[in-house]
């Protein structure tokens, strides 16, 4: 009796969710074909005889939670999670990991403070305008800023394991096909 009520409740929730989607939106199912949230160039669809989905371009394997309309990447821990809104994927966050404002403030400080210190020292003690390397402090300040920004971007891509090389390869292939 209780299992019958649970099944009716589940059907009602699924029916209510499907009816609450906009007309052009479609719910996440194993029978559908969806854009890949990783490479954004391929399409994901269900794999034969499995409760998993795979991209035809980047070969990533995903597990779908159809009740929550969530897609999880299987080959990393904690997994990357995307929510299907009926038209496209929302968010690419790690399950159980939140980036607070303190991490973003520290990242910005790591990029801005060293370049600012070098720039202030070059402004306070400027080189002689007739010297051979009068341009060096300005270039050094720019290189400091770019190198620290590169470090932060590299850490973010490593944390999320975004496949940059594969993404660029797919985009170049699309350009050649035009």
N, C-alpha and C. Protein backbone atom coordinates (compact mmCIF):
# COMPACT_ATOMS: atom_id res chain seq x y z
N UNK A 1 0.82 -1.20 0.00
CA UNK A 1 0.00 0.00 0.00
C UNK A 1 0.86 1.26 0.00
N UNK A 2 1.89 1.26 0.88
CA UNK A 2 2.76 2.43 0.97
C UNK A 2 3.58 2.61 -0.30
N UNK A 3 4.05 1.48 -0.89
CA UNK A 3 4.82 1.60 -2.13
C UNK A 3 3.94 2.14 -3.26
N UNK A 4 2.65 1.78 -3.26
CA UNK A 4 1.74 2.31 -4.26
C UNK A 4 1.56 3.81 -4.12
N UNK A 5 1.49 4.30 -2.88
CA UNK A 5 1.37 5.74 -2.65
C UNK A 5 2.64 6.47 -3.07
N UNK A 6 3.80 5.86 -2.78
CA UNK A 6 5.06 6.48 -3.17
C UNK A 6 5.17 6.57 -4.69
N UNK A 7 4.74 5.50 -5.37
CA UNK A 7 4.81 5.53 -6.82
C UNK A 7 3.87 6.59 -7.38
N UNK A 8 2.67 6.71 -6.80
CA UNK A 8 1.74 7.74 -7.27
C UNK A 8 2.31 9.12 -7.01
N UNK A 9 2.93 9.31 -5.83
CA UNK A 9 3.53 10.61 -5.51
C UNK A 9 4.67 10.93 -6.46
N UNK A 10 5.48 9.94 -6.79
CA UNK A 10 6.58 10.16 -7.70
C UNK A 10 6.06 10.51 -9.08
N UNK A 11 5.03 9.80 -9.54
CA UNK A 11 4.46 10.11 -10.84
C UNK A 11 3.90 11.53 -10.85
N UNK A 12 3.24 11.90 -9.76
CA UNK A 12 2.68 13.25 -9.69
C UNK A 12 3.78 14.30 -9.75
N UNK A 13 4.89 14.07 -9.02
CA UNK A 13 5.98 15.04 -9.04
C UNK A 13 6.60 15.14 -10.43
N UNK A 14 6.80 14.02 -11.08
CA UNK A 14 7.39 14.03 -12.42
C UNK A 14 6.43 14.70 -13.40
N UNK A 15 5.13 14.37 -13.31
CA UNK A 15 4.15 14.98 -14.19
C UNK A 15 4.07 16.48 -13.93
N UNK A 16 4.07 16.88 -12.66
CA UNK A 16 4.02 18.30 -12.33
C UNK A 16 5.24 19.02 -12.86
N UNK A 17 6.43 18.40 -12.72
CA UNK A 17 7.66 19.03 -13.21
C UNK A 17 7.62 19.17 -14.73
N UNK A 18 7.18 18.12 -15.41
CA UNK A 18 7.15 18.16 -16.87
C UNK A 18 6.12 19.20 -17.35
N UNK A 19 5.01 19.34 -16.62
CA UNK A 19 4.01 20.33 -17.02
C UNK A 19 4.45 21.74 -16.69
N UNK A 20 5.38 21.91 -15.75
CA UNK A 20 5.82 23.26 -15.38
C UNK A 20 6.92 23.77 -16.30
N UNK A 21 7.47 22.91 -17.18
CA UNK A 21 8.49 23.36 -18.12
C UNK A 21 7.85 24.20 -19.22
N UNK A 22 8.59 25.17 -19.77
CA UNK A 22 8.06 25.94 -20.90
C UNK A 22 7.79 25.01 -22.09
N UNK A 23 6.99 25.50 -23.05
CA UNK A 23 6.59 24.67 -24.19
C UNK A 23 7.78 24.17 -24.99
N UNK A 24 8.80 25.00 -25.20
CA UNK A 24 9.93 24.59 -26.02
C UNK A 24 10.96 23.80 -25.23
N UNK A 25 10.81 23.73 -23.91
CA UNK A 25 11.77 23.01 -23.08
C UNK A 25 11.43 21.53 -23.05
N UNK A 26 12.47 20.71 -22.95
CA UNK A 26 12.24 19.28 -22.86
C UNK A 26 13.00 18.75 -21.65
N UNK A 27 12.41 17.83 -20.91
CA UNK A 27 13.08 17.30 -19.71
C UNK A 27 14.23 16.37 -20.09
N UNK A 28 15.13 16.20 -19.16
CA UNK A 28 16.27 15.30 -19.35
C UNK A 28 15.80 13.86 -19.27
N UNK A 29 16.03 13.10 -20.33
CA UNK A 29 15.69 11.68 -20.37
C UNK A 29 16.84 10.94 -21.03
N UNK A 30 16.83 9.63 -20.88
CA UNK A 30 17.87 8.82 -21.53
C UNK A 30 17.62 8.66 -23.02
N UNK A 31 16.44 9.01 -23.49
CA UNK A 31 16.14 8.87 -24.91
C UNK A 31 16.51 10.12 -25.71
N UNK A 32 16.79 11.22 -25.05
CA UNK A 32 17.06 12.47 -25.75
C UNK A 32 18.52 12.64 -26.14
N UNK A 33 18.76 13.62 -26.97
CA UNK A 33 20.11 14.02 -27.38
C UNK A 33 20.29 15.46 -26.95
N UNK A 34 21.41 15.73 -26.22
CA UNK A 34 21.64 17.03 -25.61
C UNK A 34 23.03 17.54 -25.96
N UNK A 35 23.26 18.85 -25.91
CA UNK A 35 24.61 19.38 -26.14
C UNK A 35 25.53 18.99 -24.99
N UNK A 36 26.79 18.78 -25.30
CA UNK A 36 27.76 18.38 -24.28
C UNK A 36 28.14 19.61 -23.44
N UNK A 37 28.06 19.49 -22.11
CA UNK A 37 28.43 20.63 -21.27
C UNK A 37 29.94 20.83 -21.15
N UNK A 38 30.74 19.84 -21.54
CA UNK A 38 32.20 19.96 -21.43
C UNK A 38 32.77 20.63 -22.67
N UNK A 39 32.65 19.99 -23.81
CA UNK A 39 33.28 20.53 -25.02
C UNK A 39 32.39 21.52 -25.76
N UNK A 40 31.10 21.51 -25.49
CA UNK A 40 30.12 22.41 -26.10
C UNK A 40 30.07 22.28 -27.62
N UNK A 41 30.66 21.23 -28.15
CA UNK A 41 30.65 21.02 -29.59
C UNK A 41 29.95 19.71 -29.94
N UNK A 42 30.05 18.72 -29.07
CA UNK A 42 29.45 17.42 -29.34
C UNK A 42 28.07 17.30 -28.75
N UNK A 43 27.52 16.11 -28.88
CA UNK A 43 26.20 15.82 -28.34
C UNK A 43 26.29 14.60 -27.45
N UNK A 44 25.54 14.62 -26.35
CA UNK A 44 25.51 13.46 -25.47
C UNK A 44 24.19 12.73 -25.65
N UNK A 45 24.29 11.43 -25.56
CA UNK A 45 23.12 10.57 -25.62
C UNK A 45 23.41 9.31 -24.83
N UNK A 46 22.39 8.52 -24.59
CA UNK A 46 22.58 7.34 -23.74
C UNK A 46 23.44 6.29 -24.44
N UNK A 47 24.16 5.58 -23.61
CA UNK A 47 24.99 4.49 -24.11
C UNK A 47 24.15 3.21 -24.10
N UNK A 48 24.40 2.34 -25.03
CA UNK A 48 23.63 1.11 -25.13
C UNK A 48 23.84 0.24 -23.90
N UNK A 49 22.75 -0.31 -23.40
CA UNK A 49 22.75 -1.24 -22.29
C UNK A 49 23.36 -0.68 -21.00
N UNK A 50 23.35 0.65 -20.85
CA UNK A 50 23.90 1.27 -19.65
C UNK A 50 23.02 2.42 -19.21
N UNK A 51 23.08 2.73 -17.94
CA UNK A 51 22.39 3.91 -17.41
C UNK A 51 23.39 5.06 -17.35
N UNK A 52 23.97 5.37 -18.48
CA UNK A 52 24.96 6.44 -18.57
C UNK A 52 24.81 7.11 -19.93
N UNK A 53 25.40 8.29 -20.04
CA UNK A 53 25.37 9.04 -21.29
C UNK A 53 26.81 9.37 -21.67
N UNK A 54 27.08 9.52 -22.96
CA UNK A 54 28.43 9.82 -23.42
C UNK A 54 28.38 10.84 -24.55
N UNK A 55 29.45 11.63 -24.64
CA UNK A 55 29.58 12.62 -25.71
C UNK A 55 30.21 11.97 -26.93
N UNK A 56 29.70 12.29 -28.10
CA UNK A 56 30.26 11.71 -29.32
C UNK A 56 31.53 12.43 -29.76
N UNK A 57 31.85 13.56 -29.16
CA UNK A 57 33.03 14.32 -29.56
C UNK A 57 34.18 14.17 -28.58
N UNK A 58 33.92 14.47 -27.31
CA UNK A 58 35.01 14.45 -26.32
C UNK A 58 35.10 13.13 -25.56
N UNK A 59 34.17 12.23 -25.76
CA UNK A 59 34.17 10.89 -25.18
C UNK A 59 34.04 10.88 -23.64
N UNK A 60 33.47 11.95 -23.06
CA UNK A 60 33.24 11.97 -21.62
C UNK A 60 32.00 11.15 -21.31
N UNK A 61 32.00 10.50 -20.14
CA UNK A 61 30.87 9.69 -19.71
C UNK A 61 30.20 10.40 -18.54
N UNK A 62 28.87 10.44 -18.57
CA UNK A 62 28.08 11.12 -17.57
C UNK A 62 27.02 10.18 -17.00
N UNK A 63 26.61 10.49 -15.77
CA UNK A 63 25.49 9.80 -15.15
C UNK A 63 24.40 10.84 -14.94
N UNK A 64 23.18 10.50 -15.33
CA UNK A 64 22.07 11.44 -15.21
C UNK A 64 21.20 11.07 -14.02
N UNK A 65 20.80 12.07 -13.27
CA UNK A 65 19.79 11.92 -12.23
C UNK A 65 18.52 12.56 -12.78
N UNK A 66 17.63 11.73 -13.31
CA UNK A 66 16.47 12.24 -14.03
C UNK A 66 15.47 12.94 -13.11
N UNK A 67 15.38 12.53 -11.85
CA UNK A 67 14.45 13.18 -10.94
C UNK A 67 14.86 14.62 -10.65
N UNK A 68 16.15 14.86 -10.49
CA UNK A 68 16.66 16.20 -10.18
C UNK A 68 17.07 16.96 -11.44
N UNK A 69 17.03 16.29 -12.60
CA UNK A 69 17.45 16.89 -13.88
C UNK A 69 18.91 17.34 -13.80
N UNK A 70 19.77 16.44 -13.28
CA UNK A 70 21.19 16.72 -13.06
C UNK A 70 22.03 15.74 -13.85
N UNK A 71 23.16 16.24 -14.36
CA UNK A 71 24.13 15.42 -15.07
C UNK A 71 25.45 15.49 -14.31
N UNK A 72 26.06 14.32 -14.02
CA UNK A 72 27.32 14.27 -13.27
C UNK A 72 28.41 13.65 -14.13
N UNK A 73 29.59 14.24 -14.07
CA UNK A 73 30.75 13.69 -14.76
C UNK A 73 31.31 12.57 -13.89
N UNK A 74 31.56 11.41 -14.47
CA UNK A 74 31.92 10.24 -13.66
C UNK A 74 33.41 10.09 -13.39
N UNK A 75 34.27 10.68 -14.20
CA UNK A 75 35.70 10.37 -14.08
C UNK A 75 36.49 11.32 -13.19
N UNK A 76 35.84 11.99 -12.27
CA UNK A 76 36.55 12.83 -11.31
C UNK A 76 35.83 12.80 -9.98
N UNK A 77 36.56 13.08 -8.92
CA UNK A 77 36.00 13.08 -7.59
C UNK A 77 36.41 14.34 -6.88
N UNK A 78 35.55 15.20 -6.41
CA UNK A 78 34.11 15.20 -6.53
C UNK A 78 33.68 15.50 -7.96
N UNK A 79 32.54 14.95 -8.36
CA UNK A 79 32.12 15.11 -9.76
C UNK A 79 31.64 16.52 -10.08
N UNK A 80 31.85 16.92 -11.34
CA UNK A 80 31.25 18.15 -11.84
C UNK A 80 29.77 17.90 -12.08
N UNK A 81 28.94 18.88 -11.77
CA UNK A 81 27.50 18.71 -11.85
C UNK A 81 26.90 19.85 -12.67
N UNK A 82 26.00 19.50 -13.59
CA UNK A 82 25.25 20.48 -14.37
C UNK A 82 23.77 20.21 -14.19
N UNK A 83 22.97 21.27 -14.18
CA UNK A 83 21.52 21.14 -14.08
C UNK A 83 20.91 21.49 -15.44
N UNK A 84 19.99 20.65 -15.90
CA UNK A 84 19.31 20.85 -17.18
C UNK A 84 18.07 21.70 -16.93
N UNK A 85 17.96 22.84 -17.62
CA UNK A 85 16.81 23.72 -17.42
C UNK A 85 15.75 23.55 -18.52
N UNK A 86 15.93 22.57 -19.37
CA UNK A 86 14.98 22.33 -20.44
C UNK A 86 15.50 22.76 -21.80
N UNK A 87 16.49 23.66 -21.81
CA UNK A 87 17.07 24.13 -23.07
C UNK A 87 18.59 23.99 -23.09
N UNK A 88 19.24 24.26 -21.97
CA UNK A 88 20.71 24.15 -21.91
C UNK A 88 21.14 23.82 -20.49
N UNK A 89 22.44 23.62 -20.32
CA UNK A 89 23.01 23.25 -19.03
C UNK A 89 23.33 24.48 -18.21
N UNK A 90 23.02 24.44 -16.95
CA UNK A 90 23.29 25.55 -16.04
C UNK A 90 24.35 25.12 -15.03
N UNK A 91 25.36 25.96 -14.86
CA UNK A 91 26.38 25.73 -13.84
C UNK A 91 27.26 24.54 -14.14
N UNK A 92 28.49 24.66 -13.79
CA UNK A 92 29.44 23.57 -13.89
C UNK A 92 30.20 23.52 -12.59
N UNK A 93 29.50 23.24 -11.51
CA UNK A 93 30.13 23.32 -10.20
C UNK A 93 30.47 21.93 -9.68
N UNK A 94 31.37 21.90 -8.72
CA UNK A 94 31.74 20.64 -8.10
C UNK A 94 30.74 20.30 -7.02
N UNK A 95 30.36 19.04 -6.96
CA UNK A 95 29.39 18.61 -5.98
C UNK A 95 29.99 18.70 -4.58
N UNK A 96 29.35 19.47 -3.71
CA UNK A 96 29.80 19.59 -2.34
C UNK A 96 30.91 20.60 -2.11
N UNK A 97 31.36 21.29 -3.15
CA UNK A 97 32.44 22.28 -3.02
C UNK A 97 31.90 23.64 -3.44
N UNK A 98 32.05 24.61 -2.57
CA UNK A 98 31.62 25.97 -2.90
C UNK A 98 32.80 26.91 -2.81
N UNK A 99 32.92 27.79 -3.79
CA UNK A 99 33.97 28.80 -3.79
C UNK A 99 33.37 30.04 -3.14
N UNK A 100 33.86 30.37 -1.97
CA UNK A 100 33.37 31.56 -1.27
C UNK A 100 34.02 32.82 -1.79
N UNK A 101 33.54 33.94 -1.29
CA UNK A 101 34.07 35.23 -1.73
C UNK A 101 35.50 35.41 -1.28
N UNK A 102 35.93 34.74 -0.20
CA UNK A 102 37.31 34.91 0.27
C UNK A 102 38.31 34.35 -0.73
N UNK A 103 37.97 33.25 -1.37
CA UNK A 103 38.88 32.68 -2.36
C UNK A 103 39.03 33.62 -3.55
N UNK A 104 37.92 34.23 -3.99
CA UNK A 104 37.99 35.16 -5.11
C UNK A 104 38.77 36.42 -4.73
N UNK A 105 38.61 36.90 -3.49
CA UNK A 105 39.38 38.08 -3.05
C UNK A 105 40.87 37.75 -3.01
N UNK A 106 41.22 36.55 -2.52
CA UNK A 106 42.62 36.15 -2.48
C UNK A 106 43.20 36.00 -3.89
N UNK A 107 42.41 35.48 -4.81
CA UNK A 107 42.89 35.33 -6.20
C UNK A 107 43.12 36.69 -6.84
N UNK A 108 42.21 37.62 -6.62
CA UNK A 108 42.38 38.97 -7.18
C UNK A 108 43.58 39.66 -6.54
N UNK A 109 43.74 39.47 -5.23
CA UNK A 109 44.90 40.07 -4.55
C UNK A 109 46.20 39.47 -5.07
N UNK A 110 46.21 38.18 -5.35
CA UNK A 110 47.41 37.52 -5.87
C UNK A 110 47.80 38.08 -7.24
N UNK A 111 46.82 38.50 -8.01
CA UNK A 111 47.10 39.06 -9.34
C UNK A 111 47.46 40.55 -9.25
N UNK A 112 46.73 41.29 -8.45
CA UNK A 112 46.86 42.75 -8.47
C UNK A 112 48.00 43.27 -7.59
N UNK A 113 48.16 42.73 -6.38
CA UNK A 113 49.13 43.29 -5.44
C UNK A 113 50.58 43.26 -5.92
N UNK A 114 51.11 42.15 -6.42
CA UNK A 114 52.51 42.18 -6.88
C UNK A 114 52.75 43.17 -8.02
N UNK A 115 51.82 43.22 -8.96
CA UNK A 115 51.97 44.17 -10.08
C UNK A 115 51.87 45.60 -9.58
N UNK A 116 51.01 45.84 -8.61
CA UNK A 116 50.88 47.18 -8.04
C UNK A 116 52.15 47.59 -7.30
N UNK A 117 52.74 46.68 -6.53
CA UNK A 117 53.98 46.99 -5.82
C UNK A 117 55.12 47.33 -6.79
N UNK A 118 55.24 46.56 -7.83
CA UNK A 118 56.29 46.83 -8.81
C UNK A 118 56.02 48.13 -9.55
N UNK A 119 54.76 48.37 -9.90
CA UNK A 119 54.41 49.61 -10.58
C UNK A 119 54.63 50.84 -9.70
N UNK A 120 54.30 50.74 -8.41
CA UNK A 120 54.53 51.86 -7.49
C UNK A 120 56.02 52.13 -7.28
N UNK A 121 56.80 51.07 -7.20
CA UNK A 121 58.24 51.28 -7.04
C UNK A 121 58.84 51.91 -8.30
N UNK A 122 58.36 51.53 -9.46
CA UNK A 122 58.84 52.14 -10.71
C UNK A 122 58.38 53.59 -10.82
N UNK A 123 57.19 53.89 -10.28
CA UNK A 123 56.70 55.27 -10.31
C UNK A 123 57.44 56.14 -9.29
N UNK A 124 57.74 55.55 -8.11
CA UNK A 124 58.44 56.29 -7.07
C UNK A 124 59.89 56.55 -7.44
N UNK A 125 60.54 55.55 -7.99
CA UNK A 125 61.95 55.66 -8.39
C UNK A 125 62.06 55.45 -9.89
N UNK A 126 61.67 56.43 -10.67
CA UNK A 126 61.66 56.24 -12.13
C UNK A 126 63.08 56.19 -12.68
N UNK A 127 63.27 55.47 -13.76
CA UNK A 127 64.58 55.43 -14.40
C UNK A 127 64.84 56.75 -15.14
N UNK A 128 66.07 56.97 -15.42
CA UNK A 128 66.44 58.16 -16.19
C UNK A 128 65.86 58.05 -17.60
N UNK A 129 65.24 59.11 -18.10
CA UNK A 129 64.66 59.04 -19.45
C UNK A 129 65.70 58.82 -20.54
N UNK A 130 66.95 59.14 -20.26
CA UNK A 130 67.99 58.96 -21.27
C UNK A 130 68.67 57.60 -21.17
N UNK A 131 68.28 56.81 -20.14
CA UNK A 131 68.92 55.50 -19.99
C UNK A 131 68.44 54.54 -21.08
N UNK A 132 69.24 53.52 -21.26
CA UNK A 132 68.97 52.57 -22.34
C UNK A 132 67.73 51.72 -22.06
N UNK A 133 67.50 51.35 -20.79
CA UNK A 133 66.38 50.48 -20.43
C UNK A 133 65.32 51.23 -19.63
N UNK A 134 64.95 52.40 -20.04
CA UNK A 134 63.93 53.18 -19.34
C UNK A 134 62.55 52.51 -19.41
N UNK A 135 62.32 51.65 -20.39
CA UNK A 135 61.06 50.96 -20.60
C UNK A 135 60.92 49.70 -19.73
N UNK A 136 62.01 49.24 -19.14
CA UNK A 136 62.02 47.96 -18.44
C UNK A 136 61.04 47.89 -17.26
N UNK A 137 60.91 48.89 -16.37
CA UNK A 137 59.95 48.78 -15.26
C UNK A 137 58.50 48.62 -15.71
N UNK A 138 58.13 49.29 -16.77
CA UNK A 138 56.77 49.17 -17.28
C UNK A 138 56.52 47.76 -17.82
N UNK A 139 57.48 47.23 -18.56
CA UNK A 139 57.34 45.87 -19.09
C UNK A 139 57.35 44.85 -17.95
N UNK A 140 58.19 45.08 -16.96
CA UNK A 140 58.26 44.16 -15.82
C UNK A 140 56.94 44.14 -15.06
N UNK A 141 56.31 45.29 -14.90
CA UNK A 141 55.01 45.37 -14.24
C UNK A 141 53.95 44.59 -15.03
N UNK A 142 53.93 44.77 -16.33
CA UNK A 142 52.98 44.04 -17.18
C UNK A 142 53.22 42.54 -17.15
N UNK A 143 54.47 42.12 -17.19
CA UNK A 143 54.78 40.69 -17.13
C UNK A 143 54.39 40.08 -15.78
N UNK A 144 54.57 40.83 -14.71
CA UNK A 144 54.16 40.35 -13.39
C UNK A 144 52.66 40.13 -13.34
N UNK A 145 51.91 41.11 -13.84
CA UNK A 145 50.45 40.98 -13.87
C UNK A 145 50.03 39.78 -14.71
N UNK A 146 50.57 39.64 -15.90
CA UNK A 146 50.19 38.53 -16.79
C UNK A 146 50.59 37.17 -16.23
N UNK A 147 51.77 37.08 -15.61
CA UNK A 147 52.20 35.79 -15.07
C UNK A 147 51.33 35.37 -13.87
N UNK A 148 50.97 36.31 -13.01
CA UNK A 148 50.11 35.96 -11.88
C UNK A 148 48.69 35.63 -12.34
N UNK A 149 48.20 36.34 -13.34
CA UNK A 149 46.89 36.02 -13.90
C UNK A 149 46.90 34.63 -14.55
N UNK A 150 47.98 34.30 -15.23
CA UNK A 150 48.11 32.98 -15.84
C UNK A 150 48.11 31.88 -14.79
N UNK A 151 48.76 32.11 -13.67
CA UNK A 151 48.78 31.12 -12.59
C UNK A 151 47.37 30.88 -12.06
N UNK A 152 46.60 31.94 -11.83
CA UNK A 152 45.24 31.78 -11.33
C UNK A 152 44.36 31.06 -12.35
N UNK A 153 44.46 31.45 -13.61
CA UNK A 153 43.67 30.78 -14.65
C UNK A 153 44.04 29.31 -14.78
N UNK A 154 45.33 29.01 -14.67
CA UNK A 154 45.78 27.62 -14.72
C UNK A 154 45.22 26.82 -13.56
N UNK A 155 45.22 27.40 -12.35
CA UNK A 155 44.67 26.70 -11.18
C UNK A 155 43.18 26.44 -11.33
N UNK A 156 42.45 27.41 -11.86
CA UNK A 156 41.01 27.22 -12.06
C UNK A 156 40.75 26.12 -13.08
N UNK A 157 41.48 26.12 -14.20
CA UNK A 157 41.26 25.08 -15.21
C UNK A 157 41.68 23.71 -14.70
N UNK A 158 42.73 23.64 -13.88
CA UNK A 158 43.11 22.35 -13.29
C UNK A 158 42.09 21.88 -12.27
N UNK A 159 41.53 22.81 -11.51
CA UNK A 159 40.54 22.46 -10.51
C UNK A 159 39.28 21.90 -11.15
N UNK A 160 38.83 22.55 -12.22
CA UNK A 160 37.64 22.09 -12.93
C UNK A 160 37.97 21.07 -14.01
N UNK A 161 39.25 20.84 -14.28
CA UNK A 161 39.71 19.90 -15.30
C UNK A 161 39.04 20.16 -16.64
N UNK A 162 39.04 21.41 -17.06
CA UNK A 162 38.49 21.78 -18.35
C UNK A 162 39.47 21.36 -19.44
N UNK A 163 39.05 20.55 -20.40
CA UNK A 163 39.95 20.05 -21.44
C UNK A 163 40.21 21.09 -22.53
N UNK A 164 41.14 22.00 -22.27
CA UNK A 164 41.40 23.11 -23.20
C UNK A 164 41.91 22.61 -24.55
N UNK A 165 42.85 21.68 -24.53
CA UNK A 165 43.42 21.18 -25.77
C UNK A 165 42.36 20.53 -26.66
N UNK A 166 41.49 19.72 -26.04
CA UNK A 166 40.45 19.07 -26.80
C UNK A 166 39.44 20.09 -27.33
N UNK A 167 39.09 21.09 -26.51
CA UNK A 167 38.16 22.14 -26.93
C UNK A 167 38.71 22.90 -28.13
N UNK A 168 39.99 23.27 -28.08
CA UNK A 168 40.61 23.98 -29.21
C UNK A 168 40.69 23.11 -30.45
N UNK A 169 40.98 21.82 -30.26
CA UNK A 169 41.05 20.90 -31.40
C UNK A 169 39.69 20.79 -32.09
N UNK A 170 38.62 20.71 -31.32
CA UNK A 170 37.27 20.61 -31.90
C UNK A 170 36.90 21.90 -32.61
N UNK A 171 37.23 23.04 -32.01
CA UNK A 171 36.91 24.32 -32.65
C UNK A 171 37.70 24.51 -33.95
N UNK A 172 38.98 24.11 -33.96
CA UNK A 172 39.76 24.20 -35.20
C UNK A 172 39.20 23.28 -36.27
N UNK A 173 38.77 22.10 -35.87
CA UNK A 173 38.16 21.16 -36.82
C UNK A 173 36.88 21.75 -37.39
N UNK A 174 36.08 22.43 -36.57
CA UNK A 174 34.86 23.07 -37.06
C UNK A 174 35.19 24.20 -38.04
N UNK A 175 36.27 24.93 -37.79
CA UNK A 175 36.66 25.99 -38.71
C UNK A 175 37.10 25.42 -40.05
N UNK A 176 37.82 24.29 -40.02
CA UNK A 176 38.30 23.67 -41.26
C UNK A 176 37.14 23.10 -42.07
N UNK A 177 36.08 22.65 -41.37
CA UNK A 177 34.93 22.06 -42.06
C UNK A 177 34.06 23.09 -42.76
N UNK A 178 34.18 24.34 -42.39
CA UNK A 178 33.35 25.40 -43.03
C UNK A 178 33.72 25.65 -44.43
